[in-house]
PDB file of all heavy atoms in Angstrom:
ATOM      1  N   SER A   1      -5.896  -7.676  -3.116  1.00  0.00           N
ATOM      2  CA  SER A   1      -4.955  -6.717  -2.494  1.00  0.00           C
ATOM      3  C   SER A   1      -4.892  -5.380  -3.383  1.00  0.00           C
ATOM      4  O   SER A   1      -4.614  -4.267  -2.744  1.00  0.00           O
ATOM      5  CB  SER A   1      -3.544  -7.398  -2.491  1.00  0.00           C
ATOM      6  OG  SER A   1      -2.948  -7.475  -3.754  1.00  0.00           O
ATOM      7  N   ILE A   2      -5.120  -5.432  -4.726  1.00  0.00           N
ATOM      8  CA  ILE A   2      -5.077  -4.273  -5.452  1.00  0.00           C
ATOM      9  C   ILE A   2      -6.387  -3.543  -5.195  1.00  0.00           C
ATOM     10  O   ILE A   2      -6.382  -2.307  -5.256  1.00  0.00           O
ATOM     11  CB  ILE A   2      -4.985  -4.610  -6.946  1.00  0.00           C
ATOM     12  CG1 ILE A   2      -3.570  -5.354  -7.210  1.00  0.00           C
ATOM     13  CG2 ILE A   2      -5.057  -3.331  -7.846  1.00  0.00           C
ATOM     14  CD1 ILE A   2      -3.356  -5.837  -8.598  1.00  0.00           C
ATOM     15  N   LEU A   3      -7.532  -4.228  -5.065  1.00  0.00           N
ATOM     16  CA  LEU A   3      -8.720  -3.668  -4.743  1.00  0.00           C
ATOM     17  C   LEU A   3      -8.747  -2.793  -3.424  1.00  0.00           C
ATOM     18  O   LEU A   3      -9.303  -1.858  -3.216  1.00  0.00           O
ATOM     19  CB  LEU A   3      -9.960  -4.604  -4.702  1.00  0.00           C
ATOM     20  CG  LEU A   3     -10.303  -5.139  -6.095  1.00  0.00           C
ATOM     21  CD1 LEU A   3     -11.518  -6.156  -5.821  1.00  0.00           C
ATOM     22  CD2 LEU A   3     -10.683  -4.269  -7.052  1.00  0.00           C
ATOM     23  N   LEU A   4      -7.928  -3.387  -2.490  1.00  0.00           N
ATOM     24  CA  LEU A   4      -7.722  -2.685  -1.232  1.00  0.00           C
ATOM     25  C   LEU A   4      -6.841  -1.584  -1.244  1.00  0.00           C
ATOM     26  O   LEU A   4      -7.257  -0.450  -0.612  1.00  0.00           O
ATOM     27  CB  LEU A   4      -7.237  -3.632  -0.129  1.00  0.00           C
ATOM     28  CG  LEU A   4      -8.286  -4.846   0.142  1.00  0.00           C
ATOM     29  CD1 LEU A   4      -7.461  -5.816   1.193  1.00  0.00           C
ATOM     30  CD2 LEU A   4      -9.522  -4.301   0.867  1.00  0.00           C
ATOM     31  N   ILE A   5      -5.803  -1.563  -1.977  1.00  0.00           N
ATOM     32  CA  ILE A   5      -4.952  -0.292  -2.209  1.00  0.00           C
ATOM     33  C   ILE A   5      -4.346  -0.491  -3.511  1.00  0.00           C
ATOM     34  O   ILE A   5      -3.430  -1.303  -3.769  1.00  0.00           O
ATOM     35  CB  ILE A   5      -3.873  -0.315  -1.047  1.00  0.00           C
ATOM     36  CG1 ILE A   5      -2.992   1.004  -1.178  1.00  0.00           C
ATOM     37  CG2 ILE A   5      -3.081  -1.602  -0.828  1.00  0.00           C
ATOM     38  CD1 ILE A   5      -2.107   1.280  -0.059  1.00  0.00           C
ATOM     39  N   ASN A   6      -4.832   0.357  -4.467  1.00  0.00           N
ATOM     40  CA  ASN A   6      -4.304   0.209  -5.845  1.00  0.00           C
ATOM     41  C   ASN A   6      -3.009   0.961  -6.042  1.00  0.00           C
ATOM     42  O   ASN A   6      -2.503   1.750  -5.153  1.00  0.00           O
ATOM     43  CB  ASN A   6      -5.392   0.857  -6.750  1.00  0.00           C
ATOM     44  CG  ASN A   6      -5.810   2.339  -6.510  1.00  0.00           C
ATOM     45  OD1 ASN A   6      -4.942   3.086  -6.722  1.00  0.00           O
ATOM     46  ND2 ASN A   6      -6.957   2.643  -5.979  1.00  0.00           N
ATOM     47  N   ASP A   7      -2.469   0.923  -7.216  1.00  0.00           N
ATOM     48  CA  ASP A   7      -1.218   1.490  -7.589  1.00  0.00           C
ATOM     49  C   ASP A   7      -1.172   2.963  -7.274  1.00  0.00           C
ATOM     50  O   ASP A   7      -0.138   3.477  -6.729  1.00  0.00           O
ATOM     51  CB  ASP A   7      -0.687   1.056  -8.988  1.00  0.00           C
ATOM     52  CG  ASP A   7      -0.420  -0.337  -9.287  1.00  0.00           C
ATOM     53  OD1 ASP A   7      -0.335  -0.957  -8.231  1.00  0.00           O
ATOM     54  OD2 ASP A   7      -0.224  -0.690 -10.404  1.00  0.00           O
ATOM     55  N   ALA A   8      -2.175   3.620  -7.823  1.00  0.00           N
ATOM     56  CA  ALA A   8      -2.167   5.038  -7.717  1.00  0.00           C
ATOM     57  C   ALA A   8      -2.191   5.508  -6.305  1.00  0.00           C
ATOM     58  O   ALA A   8      -1.684   6.526  -5.781  1.00  0.00           O
ATOM     59  CB  ALA A   8      -3.467   5.603  -8.418  1.00  0.00           C
ATOM     60  N   ALA A   9      -3.015   4.642  -5.498  1.00  0.00           N
ATOM     61  CA  ALA A   9      -3.039   5.000  -4.007  1.00  0.00           C
ATOM     62  C   ALA A   9      -1.688   4.829  -3.300  1.00  0.00           C
ATOM     63  O   ALA A   9      -1.301   5.631  -2.508  1.00  0.00           O
ATOM     64  CB  ALA A   9      -4.032   4.158  -3.352  1.00  0.00           C
ATOM     65  N   ILE A  10      -0.920   3.816  -3.753  1.00  0.00           N
ATOM     66  CA  ILE A  10       0.322   3.567  -3.105  1.00  0.00           C
ATOM     67  C   ILE A  10       1.341   4.700  -3.545  1.00  0.00           C
ATOM     68  O   ILE A  10       2.016   5.238  -2.718  1.00  0.00           O
ATOM     69  CB  ILE A  10       0.946   2.194  -3.607  1.00  0.00           C
ATOM     70  CG1 ILE A  10       0.143   0.999  -2.972  1.00  0.00           C
ATOM     71  CG2 ILE A  10       2.407   2.083  -3.228  1.00  0.00           C
ATOM     72  CD1 ILE A  10       0.650  -0.366  -3.579  1.00  0.00           C
ATOM     73  N   GLU A  11       1.248   5.106  -4.826  1.00  0.00           N
ATOM     74  CA  GLU A  11       2.069   6.180  -5.264  1.00  0.00           C
ATOM     75  C   GLU A  11       1.687   7.418  -4.594  1.00  0.00           C
ATOM     76  O   GLU A  11       2.648   8.279  -4.221  1.00  0.00           O
ATOM     77  CB  GLU A  11       1.888   6.349  -6.809  1.00  0.00           C
ATOM     78  CG  GLU A  11       2.590   5.158  -7.586  1.00  0.00           C
ATOM     79  CD  GLU A  11       1.995   4.941  -9.000  1.00  0.00           C
ATOM     80  OE1 GLU A  11       1.113   5.763  -9.398  1.00  0.00           O
ATOM     81  OE2 GLU A  11       2.319   3.880  -9.542  1.00  0.00           O
ATOM     82  N   ARG A  12       0.560   7.740  -4.256  1.00  0.00           N
ATOM     83  CA  ARG A  12       0.061   8.967  -3.441  1.00  0.00           C
ATOM     84  C   ARG A  12       0.692   8.907  -2.160  1.00  0.00           C
ATOM     85  O   ARG A  12       1.279   9.913  -1.656  1.00  0.00           O
ATOM     86  CB  ARG A  12      -1.434   9.103  -3.574  1.00  0.00           C
ATOM     87  CG  ARG A  12      -1.929  10.276  -2.799  1.00  0.00           C
ATOM     88  CD  ARG A  12      -3.378  10.570  -2.971  1.00  0.00           C
ATOM     89  NE  ARG A  12      -3.844  11.748  -2.437  1.00  0.00           N
ATOM     90  CZ  ARG A  12      -5.033  12.248  -2.615  1.00  0.00           C
ATOM     91  NH1 ARG A  12      -5.959  11.591  -3.452  1.00  0.00           N
ATOM     92  NH2 ARG A  12      -5.350  13.313  -1.952  1.00  0.00           N
ATOM     93  N   CYS A  13       0.610   7.663  -1.587  1.00  0.00           N
ATOM     94  CA  CYS A  13       1.110   7.538  -0.145  1.00  0.00           C
ATOM     95  C   CYS A  13       2.685   7.735  -0.125  1.00  0.00           C
ATOM     96  O   CYS A  13       3.267   8.409   0.716  1.00  0.00           O
ATOM     97  CB  CYS A  13       0.663   6.212   0.452  1.00  0.00           C
ATOM     98  SG  CYS A  13      -0.981   5.924   0.890  1.00  0.00           S
ATOM     99  N   ILE A  14       3.306   7.332  -1.169  1.00  0.00           N
ATOM    100  CA  ILE A  14       4.725   7.606  -1.274  1.00  0.00           C
ATOM    101  C   ILE A  14       5.068   8.878  -1.464  1.00  0.00           C
ATOM    102  O   ILE A  14       5.943   9.446  -0.717  1.00  0.00           O
ATOM    103  CB  ILE A  14       5.346   6.688  -2.579  1.00  0.00           C
ATOM    104  CG1 ILE A  14       5.183   5.226  -2.276  1.00  0.00           C
ATOM    105  CG2 ILE A  14       6.755   7.050  -2.664  1.00  0.00           C
ATOM    106  CD1 ILE A  14       5.572   4.420  -3.501  1.00  0.00           C
ATOM    107  N   GLU A  15       4.376   9.657  -2.282  1.00  0.00           N
ATOM    108  CA  GLU A  15       4.573  11.117  -2.402  1.00  0.00           C
ATOM    109  C   GLU A  15       4.314  11.914  -1.105  1.00  0.00           C
ATOM    110  O   GLU A  15       5.032  12.856  -0.918  1.00  0.00           O
ATOM    111  CB  GLU A  15       3.676  11.622  -3.584  1.00  0.00           C
ATOM    112  CG  GLU A  15       4.106  11.123  -4.963  1.00  0.00           C
ATOM    113  CD  GLU A  15       3.036  11.566  -6.052  1.00  0.00           C
ATOM    114  OE1 GLU A  15       2.130  12.287  -5.622  1.00  0.00           O
ATOM    115  OE2 GLU A  15       3.181  11.171  -7.115  1.00  0.00           O
ATOM    116  N   GLU A  16       3.346  11.488  -0.362  1.00  0.00           N
ATOM    117  CA  GLU A  16       2.924  12.141   0.810  1.00  0.00           C
ATOM    118  C   GLU A  16       3.800  11.675   1.953  1.00  0.00           C
ATOM    119  O   GLU A  16       3.696  12.204   3.164  1.00  0.00           O
ATOM    120  CB  GLU A  16       1.570  11.987   1.177  1.00  0.00           C
ATOM    121  CG  GLU A  16       0.622  12.554   0.051  1.00  0.00           C
ATOM    122  CD  GLU A  16      -0.844  12.324   0.379  1.00  0.00           C
ATOM    123  OE1 GLU A  16      -1.067  11.428   1.280  1.00  0.00           O
ATOM    124  OE2 GLU A  16      -1.700  13.034  -0.296  1.00  0.00           O
ATOM    125  N   GLY A  17       4.674  10.765   1.939  1.00  0.00           N
ATOM    126  CA  GLY A  17       5.588  10.226   2.783  1.00  0.00           C
ATOM    127  C   GLY A  17       4.843   9.311   3.881  1.00  0.00           C
ATOM    128  O   GLY A  17       5.322   9.380   5.091  1.00  0.00           O
ATOM    129  N   ARG A  18       3.771   8.758   3.551  1.00  0.00           N
ATOM    130  CA  ARG A  18       2.996   8.051   4.540  1.00  0.00           C
ATOM    131  C   ARG A  18       3.650   6.771   4.897  1.00  0.00           C
ATOM    132  O   ARG A  18       4.470   6.075   4.081  1.00  0.00           O
ATOM    133  CB  ARG A  18       1.655   7.680   3.941  1.00  0.00           C
ATOM    134  CG  ARG A  18       0.760   8.772   3.490  1.00  0.00           C
ATOM    135  CD  ARG A  18       0.319   9.663   4.646  1.00  0.00           C
ATOM    136  NE  ARG A  18      -0.698  10.710   4.242  1.00  0.00           N
ATOM    137  CZ  ARG A  18      -1.169  11.594   5.101  1.00  0.00           C
ATOM    138  NH1 ARG A  18      -0.919  11.516   6.366  1.00  0.00           N
ATOM    139  NH2 ARG A  18      -1.976  12.523   4.646  1.00  0.00           N
ATOM    140  N   GLY A  19       3.453   6.352   6.174  1.00  0.00           N
ATOM    141  CA  GLY A  19       4.125   5.027   6.709  1.00  0.00           C
ATOM    142  C   GLY A  19       3.128   3.958   6.586  1.00  0.00           C
ATOM    143  O   GLY A  19       1.979   4.038   6.093  1.00  0.00           O
ATOM    144  N   MET A  20       3.601   2.817   7.172  1.00  0.00           N
ATOM    145  CA  MET A  20       2.952   1.504   7.098  1.00  0.00           C
ATOM    146  C   MET A  20       1.548   1.555   7.909  1.00  0.00           C
ATOM    147  O   MET A  20       0.508   1.296   7.381  1.00  0.00           O
ATOM    148  CB  MET A  20       3.743   0.396   7.640  1.00  0.00           C
ATOM    149  CG  MET A  20       3.210  -1.005   7.385  1.00  0.00           C
ATOM    150  SD  MET A  20       3.896  -1.632   5.930  1.00  0.00           S
ATOM    151  CE  MET A  20       3.304  -3.243   6.018  1.00  0.00           C
ATOM    152  N   LYS A  21       1.583   2.179   9.051  1.00  0.00           N
ATOM    153  CA  LYS A  21       0.432   2.342   9.938  1.00  0.00           C
ATOM    154  C   LYS A  21      -0.672   3.062   9.284  1.00  0.00           C
ATOM    155  O   LYS A  21      -1.880   2.665   9.148  1.00  0.00           O
ATOM    156  CB  LYS A  21       0.762   3.049  11.195  1.00  0.00           C
ATOM    157  CG  LYS A  21      -0.357   3.025  12.186  1.00  0.00           C
ATOM    158  CD  LYS A  21       0.159   3.603  13.532  1.00  0.00           C
ATOM    159  CE  LYS A  21      -1.176   3.739  14.533  1.00  0.00           C
ATOM    160  NZ  LYS A  21      -0.776   4.306  15.823  1.00  0.00           N
ATOM    161  N   TYR A  22      -0.332   4.324   8.709  1.00  0.00           N
ATOM    162  CA  TYR A  22      -1.301   5.071   7.914  1.00  0.00           C
ATOM    163  C   TYR A  22      -1.952   4.211   6.785  1.00  0.00           C
ATOM    164  O   TYR A  22      -3.179   4.213   6.618  1.00  0.00           O
ATOM    165  CB  TYR A  22      -0.683   6.325   7.300  1.00  0.00           C
ATOM    166  CG  TYR A  22      -1.730   7.060   6.521  1.00  0.00           C
ATOM    167  CD1 TYR A  22      -2.648   7.974   6.998  1.00  0.00           C
ATOM    168  CD2 TYR A  22      -1.703   6.839   5.184  1.00  0.00           C
ATOM    169  CE1 TYR A  22      -3.435   8.699   6.224  1.00  0.00           C
ATOM    170  CE2 TYR A  22      -2.580   7.501   4.403  1.00  0.00           C
ATOM    171  CZ  TYR A  22      -3.503   8.433   4.905  1.00  0.00           C
ATOM    172  OH  TYR A  22      -4.367   9.193   4.122  1.00  0.00           O
ATOM    173  N   MET A  23      -1.108   3.560   6.009  1.00  0.00           N
ATOM    174  CA  MET A  23      -1.711   2.951   4.876  1.00  0.00           C
ATOM    175  C   MET A  23      -2.572   1.756   5.327  1.00  0.00           C
ATOM    176  O   MET A  23      -3.623   1.579   4.713  1.00  0.00           O
ATOM    177  CB  MET A  23      -0.478   2.343   3.963  1.00  0.00           C
ATOM    178  CG  MET A  23       0.350   3.539   3.463  1.00  0.00           C
ATOM    179  SD  MET A  23       1.868   2.847   2.614  1.00  0.00           S
ATOM    180  CE  MET A  23       1.257   2.198   1.204  1.00  0.00           C
ATOM    181  N   SER A  24      -2.218   0.984   6.250  1.00  0.00           N
ATOM    182  CA  SER A  24      -3.094  -0.026   6.768  1.00  0.00           C
ATOM    183  C   SER A  24      -4.428   0.474   7.346  1.00  0.00           C
ATOM    184  O   SER A  24      -5.401  -0.097   7.053  1.00  0.00           O
ATOM    185  CB  SER A  24      -2.204  -0.814   7.842  1.00  0.00           C
ATOM    186  OG  SER A  24      -3.123  -1.778   8.464  1.00  0.00           O
ATOM    187  N   GLU A  25      -4.340   1.450   8.242  1.00  0.00           N
ATOM    188  CA  GLU A  25      -5.611   1.940   8.796  1.00  0.00           C
ATOM    189  C   GLU A  25      -6.468   2.597   7.780  1.00  0.00           C
ATOM    190  O   GLU A  25      -7.633   2.425   7.791  1.00  0.00           O
ATOM    191  CB  GLU A  25      -5.178   2.891   9.934  1.00  0.00           C
ATOM    192  CG  GLU A  25      -4.426   2.250  11.036  1.00  0.00           C
ATOM    193  CD  GLU A  25      -5.353   1.126  11.648  1.00  0.00           C
ATOM    194  OE1 GLU A  25      -6.638   1.261  11.896  1.00  0.00           O
ATOM    195  OE2 GLU A  25      -4.756   0.095  12.050  1.00  0.00           O
ATOM    196  N   HIS A  26      -5.834   3.477   6.834  1.00  0.00           N
ATOM    197  CA  HIS A  26      -6.672   4.263   5.913  1.00  0.00           C
ATOM    198  C   HIS A  26      -7.331   3.364   4.891  1.00  0.00           C
ATOM    199  O   HIS A  26      -8.609   3.567   4.594  1.00  0.00           O
ATOM    200  CB  HIS A  26      -5.863   5.281   5.248  1.00  0.00           C
ATOM    201  CG  HIS A  26      -6.616   6.254   4.297  1.00  0.00           C
ATOM    202  ND1 HIS A  26      -7.408   7.204   4.684  1.00  0.00           N
ATOM    203  CD2 HIS A  26      -6.677   6.249   2.953  1.00  0.00           C
ATOM    204  CE1 HIS A  26      -7.998   7.816   3.772  1.00  0.00           C
ATOM    205  NE2 HIS A  26      -7.579   7.266   2.559  1.00  0.00           N
ATOM    206  N   PHE A  27      -6.655   2.327   4.488  1.00  0.00           N
ATOM    207  CA  PHE A  27      -7.186   1.562   3.418  1.00  0.00           C
ATOM    208  C   PHE A  27      -7.762   0.271   3.886  1.00  0.00           C
ATOM    209  O   PHE A  27      -8.273  -0.585   3.136  1.00  0.00           O
ATOM    210  CB  PHE A  27      -6.078   1.232   2.286  1.00  0.00           C
ATOM    211  CG  PHE A  27      -5.757   2.555   1.534  1.00  0.00           C
ATOM    212  CD1 PHE A  27      -4.566   3.274   1.872  1.00  0.00           C
ATOM    213  CD2 PHE A  27      -6.515   2.939   0.515  1.00  0.00           C
ATOM    214  CE1 PHE A  27      -4.212   4.418   1.279  1.00  0.00           C
ATOM    215  CE2 PHE A  27      -6.114   4.091  -0.259  1.00  0.00           C
ATOM    216  CZ  PHE A  27      -4.950   4.758   0.173  1.00  0.00           C
ATOM    217  N   GLY A  28      -7.698  -0.056   5.251  1.00  0.00           N
ATOM    218  CA  GLY A  28      -8.396  -1.067   5.757  1.00  0.00           C
ATOM    219  C   GLY A  28      -7.715  -2.446   5.233  1.00  0.00           C
ATOM    220  O   GLY A  28      -8.508  -3.509   5.052  1.00  0.00           O
ATOM    221  N   ILE A  29      -6.573  -2.606   5.286  1.00  0.00           N
ATOM    222  CA  ILE A  29      -5.723  -3.669   4.816  1.00  0.00           C
ATOM    223  C   ILE A  29      -4.752  -4.188   5.943  1.00  0.00           C
ATOM    224  O   ILE A  29      -4.132  -3.268   6.620  1.00  0.00           O
ATOM    225  CB  ILE A  29      -4.998  -3.474   3.522  1.00  0.00           C
ATOM    226  CG1 ILE A  29      -4.176  -4.777   3.041  1.00  0.00           C
ATOM    227  CG2 ILE A  29      -4.010  -2.253   3.635  1.00  0.00           C
ATOM    228  CD1 ILE A  29      -3.689  -4.652   1.649  1.00  0.00           C
ATOM    229  N   SER A  30      -4.721  -5.426   6.247  1.00  0.00           N
ATOM    230  CA  SER A  30      -3.858  -5.866   7.322  1.00  0.00           C
ATOM    231  C   SER A  30      -2.516  -5.707   7.045  1.00  0.00           C
ATOM    232  O   SER A  30      -1.982  -5.496   5.807  1.00  0.00           O
ATOM    233  CB  SER A  30      -4.112  -7.410   7.522  1.00  0.00           C
ATOM    234  OG  SER A  30      -3.565  -8.114   6.445  1.00  0.00           O
ATOM    235  N   ASN A  31      -1.563  -5.546   8.012  1.00  0.00           N
ATOM    236  CA  ASN A  31      -0.162  -5.425   7.858  1.00  0.00           C
ATOM    237  C   ASN A  31       0.489  -6.516   6.849  1.00  0.00           C
ATOM    238  O   ASN A  31       1.320  -6.249   6.069  1.00  0.00           O
ATOM    239  CB  ASN A  31       0.675  -5.338   9.161  1.00  0.00           C
ATOM    240  CG  ASN A  31       0.364  -4.079   9.939  1.00  0.00           C
ATOM    241  OD1 ASN A  31       0.146  -3.033   9.215  1.00  0.00           O
ATOM    242  ND2 ASN A  31       0.537  -4.153  11.125  1.00  0.00           N
ATOM    243  N   GLN A  32       0.093  -7.735   7.217  1.00  0.00           N
ATOM    244  CA  GLN A  32       0.441  -8.845   6.326  1.00  0.00           C
ATOM    245  C   GLN A  32       0.190  -8.791   4.946  1.00  0.00           C
ATOM    246  O   GLN A  32       1.017  -8.837   4.062  1.00  0.00           O
ATOM    247  CB  GLN A  32      -0.036 -10.187   6.998  1.00  0.00           C
ATOM    248  CG  GLN A  32       0.469 -11.415   6.225  1.00  0.00           C
ATOM    249  CD  GLN A  32      -0.131 -12.668   6.744  1.00  0.00           C
ATOM    250  OE1 GLN A  32      -1.004 -12.739   7.513  1.00  0.00           O
ATOM    251  NE2 GLN A  32       0.543 -13.860   6.196  1.00  0.00           N
ATOM    252  N   ALA A  33      -1.060  -8.364   4.709  1.00  0.00           N
ATOM    253  CA  ALA A  33      -1.448  -8.226   3.320  1.00  0.00           C
ATOM    254  C   ALA A  33      -0.776  -7.029   2.619  1.00  0.00           C
ATOM    255  O   ALA A  33      -0.489  -7.085   1.434  1.00  0.00           O
ATOM    256  CB  ALA A  33      -3.039  -8.202   3.113  1.00  0.00           C
ATOM    257  N   LEU A  34      -0.543  -6.042   3.321  1.00  0.00           N
ATOM    258  CA  LEU A  34       0.034  -4.818   2.917  1.00  0.00           C
ATOM    259  C   LEU A  34       1.488  -5.026   2.598  1.00  0.00           C
ATOM    260  O   LEU A  34       1.941  -4.563   1.406  1.00  0.00           O
ATOM    261  CB  LEU A  34      -0.097  -3.677   3.881  1.00  0.00           C
ATOM    262  CG  LEU A  34       0.554  -2.335   3.537  1.00  0.00           C
ATOM    263  CD1 LEU A  34      -0.150  -1.811   2.187  1.00  0.00           C
ATOM    264  CD2 LEU A  34       0.347  -1.308   4.703  1.00  0.00           C
ATOM    265  N   GLU A  35       2.146  -5.751   3.285  1.00  0.00           N
ATOM    266  CA  GLU A  35       3.535  -6.105   3.041  1.00  0.00           C
ATOM    267  C   GLU A  35       3.670  -6.886   1.684  1.00  0.00           C
ATOM    268  O   GLU A  35       4.565  -6.638   0.985  1.00  0.00           O
ATOM    269  CB  GLU A  35       4.073  -6.960   4.186  1.00  0.00           C
ATOM    270  CG  GLU A  35       4.380  -6.238   5.510  1.00  0.00           C
ATOM    271  CD  GLU A  35       4.902  -7.133   6.590  1.00  0.00           C
ATOM    272  OE1 GLU A  35       5.656  -8.142   6.236  1.00  0.00           O
ATOM    273  OE2 GLU A  35       4.702  -6.910   7.715  1.00  0.00           O
ATOM    274  N   ILE A  36       2.800  -7.837   1.522  1.00  0.00           N
ATOM    275  CA  ILE A  36       2.759  -8.548   0.332  1.00  0.00           C
ATOM    276  C   ILE A  36       2.477  -7.626  -0.906  1.00  0.00           C
ATOM    277  O   ILE A  36       3.120  -7.764  -1.939  1.00  0.00           O
ATOM    278  CB  ILE A  36       1.755  -9.767   0.354  1.00  0.00           C
ATOM    279  CG1 ILE A  36       2.282 -10.772   1.477  1.00  0.00           C
ATOM    280  CG2 ILE A  36       1.692 -10.505  -0.917  1.00  0.00           C
ATOM    281  CD1 ILE A  36       1.202 -11.875   1.736  1.00  0.00           C
ATOM    282  N   ARG A  37       1.428  -6.798  -0.741  1.00  0.00           N
ATOM    283  CA  ARG A  37       1.013  -5.978  -1.776  1.00  0.00           C
ATOM    284  C   ARG A  37       2.167  -5.061  -2.174  1.00  0.00           C
ATOM    285  O   ARG A  37       2.351  -4.747  -3.404  1.00  0.00           O
ATOM    286  CB  ARG A  37      -0.128  -5.098  -1.213  1.00  0.00           C
ATOM    287  CG  ARG A  37      -0.610  -4.064  -2.094  1.00  0.00           C
ATOM    288  CD  ARG A  37      -1.226  -4.531  -3.482  1.00  0.00           C
ATOM    289  NE  ARG A  37      -1.644  -3.437  -4.313  1.00  0.00           N
ATOM    290  CZ  ARG A  37      -0.993  -3.012  -5.464  1.00  0.00           C
ATOM    291  NH1 ARG A  37      -0.003  -3.715  -5.818  1.00  0.00           N
ATOM    292  NH2 ARG A  37      -1.501  -2.076  -6.123  1.00  0.00           N
ATOM    293  N   LEU A  38       2.961  -4.345  -1.260  1.00  0.00           N
ATOM    294  CA  LEU A  38       3.997  -3.518  -1.501  1.00  0.00           C
ATOM    295  C   LEU A  38       5.169  -4.166  -2.173  1.00  0.00           C
ATOM    296  O   LEU A  38       5.687  -3.694  -3.121  1.00  0.00           O
ATOM    297  CB  LEU A  38       4.438  -2.868  -0.207  1.00  0.00           C
ATOM    298  CG  LEU A  38       3.564  -1.765   0.435  1.00  0.00           C
ATOM    299  CD1 LEU A  38       4.024  -1.423   1.751  1.00  0.00           C
ATOM    300  CD2 LEU A  38       3.262  -0.641  -0.527  1.00  0.00           C
ATOM    301  N   LYS A  39       5.321  -5.379  -1.761  1.00  0.00           N
ATOM    302  CA  LYS A  39       6.482  -6.193  -2.360  1.00  0.00           C
ATOM    303  C   LYS A  39       6.110  -6.398  -3.859  1.00  0.00           C
ATOM    304  O   LYS A  39       6.968  -6.181  -4.780  1.00  0.00           O
ATOM    305  CB  LYS A  39       6.541  -7.563  -1.656  1.00  0.00           C
ATOM    306  CG  LYS A  39       7.492  -8.580  -2.320  1.00  0.00           C
ATOM    307  CD  LYS A  39       7.508  -9.874  -1.468  1.00  0.00           C
ATOM    308  CE  LYS A  39       8.277 -11.006  -2.118  1.00  0.00           C
ATOM    309  NZ  LYS A  39       8.230 -12.242  -1.491  1.00  0.00           N
ATOM    310  N   PHE A  40       4.829  -6.797  -4.175  1.00  0.00           N
ATOM    311  CA  PHE A  40       4.549  -7.047  -5.616  1.00  0.00           C
ATOM    312  C   PHE A  40       4.618  -5.663  -6.291  1.00  0.00           C
ATOM    313  O   PHE A  40       4.899  -5.612  -7.510  1.00  0.00           O
ATOM    314  CB  PHE A  40       3.187  -7.714  -5.649  1.00  0.00           C
ATOM    315  CG  PHE A  40       3.120  -9.140  -5.330  1.00  0.00           C
ATOM    316  CD1 PHE A  40       2.184  -9.771  -4.668  1.00  0.00           C
ATOM    317  CD2 PHE A  40       4.244  -9.913  -5.916  1.00  0.00           C
ATOM    318  CE1 PHE A  40       2.156 -11.063  -4.425  1.00  0.00           C
ATOM    319  CE2 PHE A  40       4.199 -11.317  -5.566  1.00  0.00           C
ATOM    320  CZ  PHE A  40       3.144 -11.938  -4.893  1.00  0.00           C
ATOM    321  N   TYR A  41       4.180  -4.598  -5.705  1.00  0.00           N
ATOM    322  CA  TYR A  41       4.180  -3.247  -6.278  1.00  0.00           C
ATOM    323  C   TYR A  41       5.535  -3.006  -6.737  1.00  0.00           C
ATOM    324  O   TYR A  41       5.774  -2.570  -7.926  1.00  0.00           O
ATOM    325  CB  TYR A  41       3.597  -2.189  -5.339  1.00  0.00           C
ATOM    326  CG  TYR A  41       3.825  -0.857  -5.859  1.00  0.00           C
ATOM    327  CD1 TYR A  41       2.957  -0.265  -6.842  1.00  0.00           C
ATOM    328  CD2 TYR A  41       4.831  -0.080  -5.476  1.00  0.00           C
ATOM    329  CE1 TYR A  41       3.222   1.064  -7.282  1.00  0.00           C
ATOM    330  CE2 TYR A  41       5.154   1.168  -5.887  1.00  0.00           C
ATOM    331  CZ  TYR A  41       4.306   1.809  -6.817  1.00  0.00           C
ATOM    332  OH  TYR A  41       4.553   3.002  -7.332  1.00  0.00           O
ATOM    333  N   LEU A  42       6.523  -3.241  -5.881  1.00  0.00           N
ATOM    334  CA  LEU A  42       7.960  -2.718  -6.208  1.00  0.00           C
ATOM    335  C   LEU A  42       8.417  -3.729  -7.436  1.00  0.00           C
ATOM    336  O   LEU A  42       9.064  -3.229  -8.252  1.00  0.00           O
ATOM    337  CB  LEU A  42       8.750  -3.011  -4.955  1.00  0.00           C
ATOM    338  CG  LEU A  42       8.536  -1.989  -3.827  1.00  0.00           C
ATOM    339  CD1 LEU A  42       9.426  -2.237  -2.638  1.00  0.00           C
ATOM    340  CD2 LEU A  42       8.805  -0.539  -4.355  1.00  0.00           C
ATOM    341  N   MET A  43       7.949  -4.988  -7.390  1.00  0.00           N
ATOM    342  CA  MET A  43       8.531  -5.945  -8.369  1.00  0.00           C
ATOM    343  C   MET A  43       7.971  -5.587  -9.719  1.00  0.00           C
ATOM    344  O   MET A  43       8.638  -5.622 -10.802  1.00  0.00           O
ATOM    345  CB  MET A  43       8.190  -7.416  -7.900  1.00  0.00           C
ATOM    346  CG  MET A  43       8.960  -7.824  -6.715  1.00  0.00           C
ATOM    347  SD  MET A  43       8.278  -9.366  -6.031  1.00  0.00           S
ATOM    348  CE  MET A  43       8.422 -10.484  -7.354  1.00  0.00           C
ATOM    349  N   PHE A  44       6.547  -5.479  -9.825  1.00  0.00           N
ATOM    350  CA  PHE A  44       5.939  -5.334 -11.049  1.00  0.00           C
ATOM    351  C   PHE A  44       5.950  -3.965 -11.608  1.00  0.00           C
ATOM    352  O   PHE A  44       6.051  -3.666 -12.836  1.00  0.00           O
ATOM    353  CB  PHE A  44       4.432  -5.755 -10.878  1.00  0.00           C
ATOM    354  CG  PHE A  44       4.261  -7.219 -10.739  1.00  0.00           C
ATOM    355  CD1 PHE A  44       3.630  -7.672  -9.614  1.00  0.00           C
ATOM    356  CD2 PHE A  44       4.652  -8.071 -11.822  1.00  0.00           C
ATOM    357  CE1 PHE A  44       3.522  -8.989  -9.462  1.00  0.00           C
ATOM    358  CE2 PHE A  44       4.507  -9.464 -11.671  1.00  0.00           C
ATOM    359  CZ  PHE A  44       3.888  -9.890 -10.503  1.00  0.00           C
ATOM    360  N   ASN A  45       5.988  -2.851 -10.752  1.00  0.00           N
ATOM    361  CA  ASN A  45       6.017  -1.578 -11.177  1.00  0.00           C
ATOM    362  C   ASN A  45       7.411  -0.844 -11.356  1.00  0.00           C
ATOM    363  O   ASN A  45       7.565   0.170 -12.092  1.00  0.00           O
ATOM    364  CB  ASN A  45       5.113  -0.607 -10.265  1.00  0.00           C
ATOM    365  CG  ASN A  45       3.819  -1.007 -10.373  1.00  0.00           C
ATOM    366  OD1 ASN A  45       3.301  -2.062  -9.978  1.00  0.00           O
ATOM    367  ND2 ASN A  45       2.889  -0.101 -10.833  1.00  0.00           N
TER     368      ASN A  45
END
């Protein structure tokens, strides 16, 4: 999940105000995997 969308990529999306659909499509990660990835990002970071 980190290889698909790394921390810096998530932070860039947050700064740019990107939504779930953009993140899923741009980084080629399913919604389910993205939800889990974002959850762990918020917990660990």
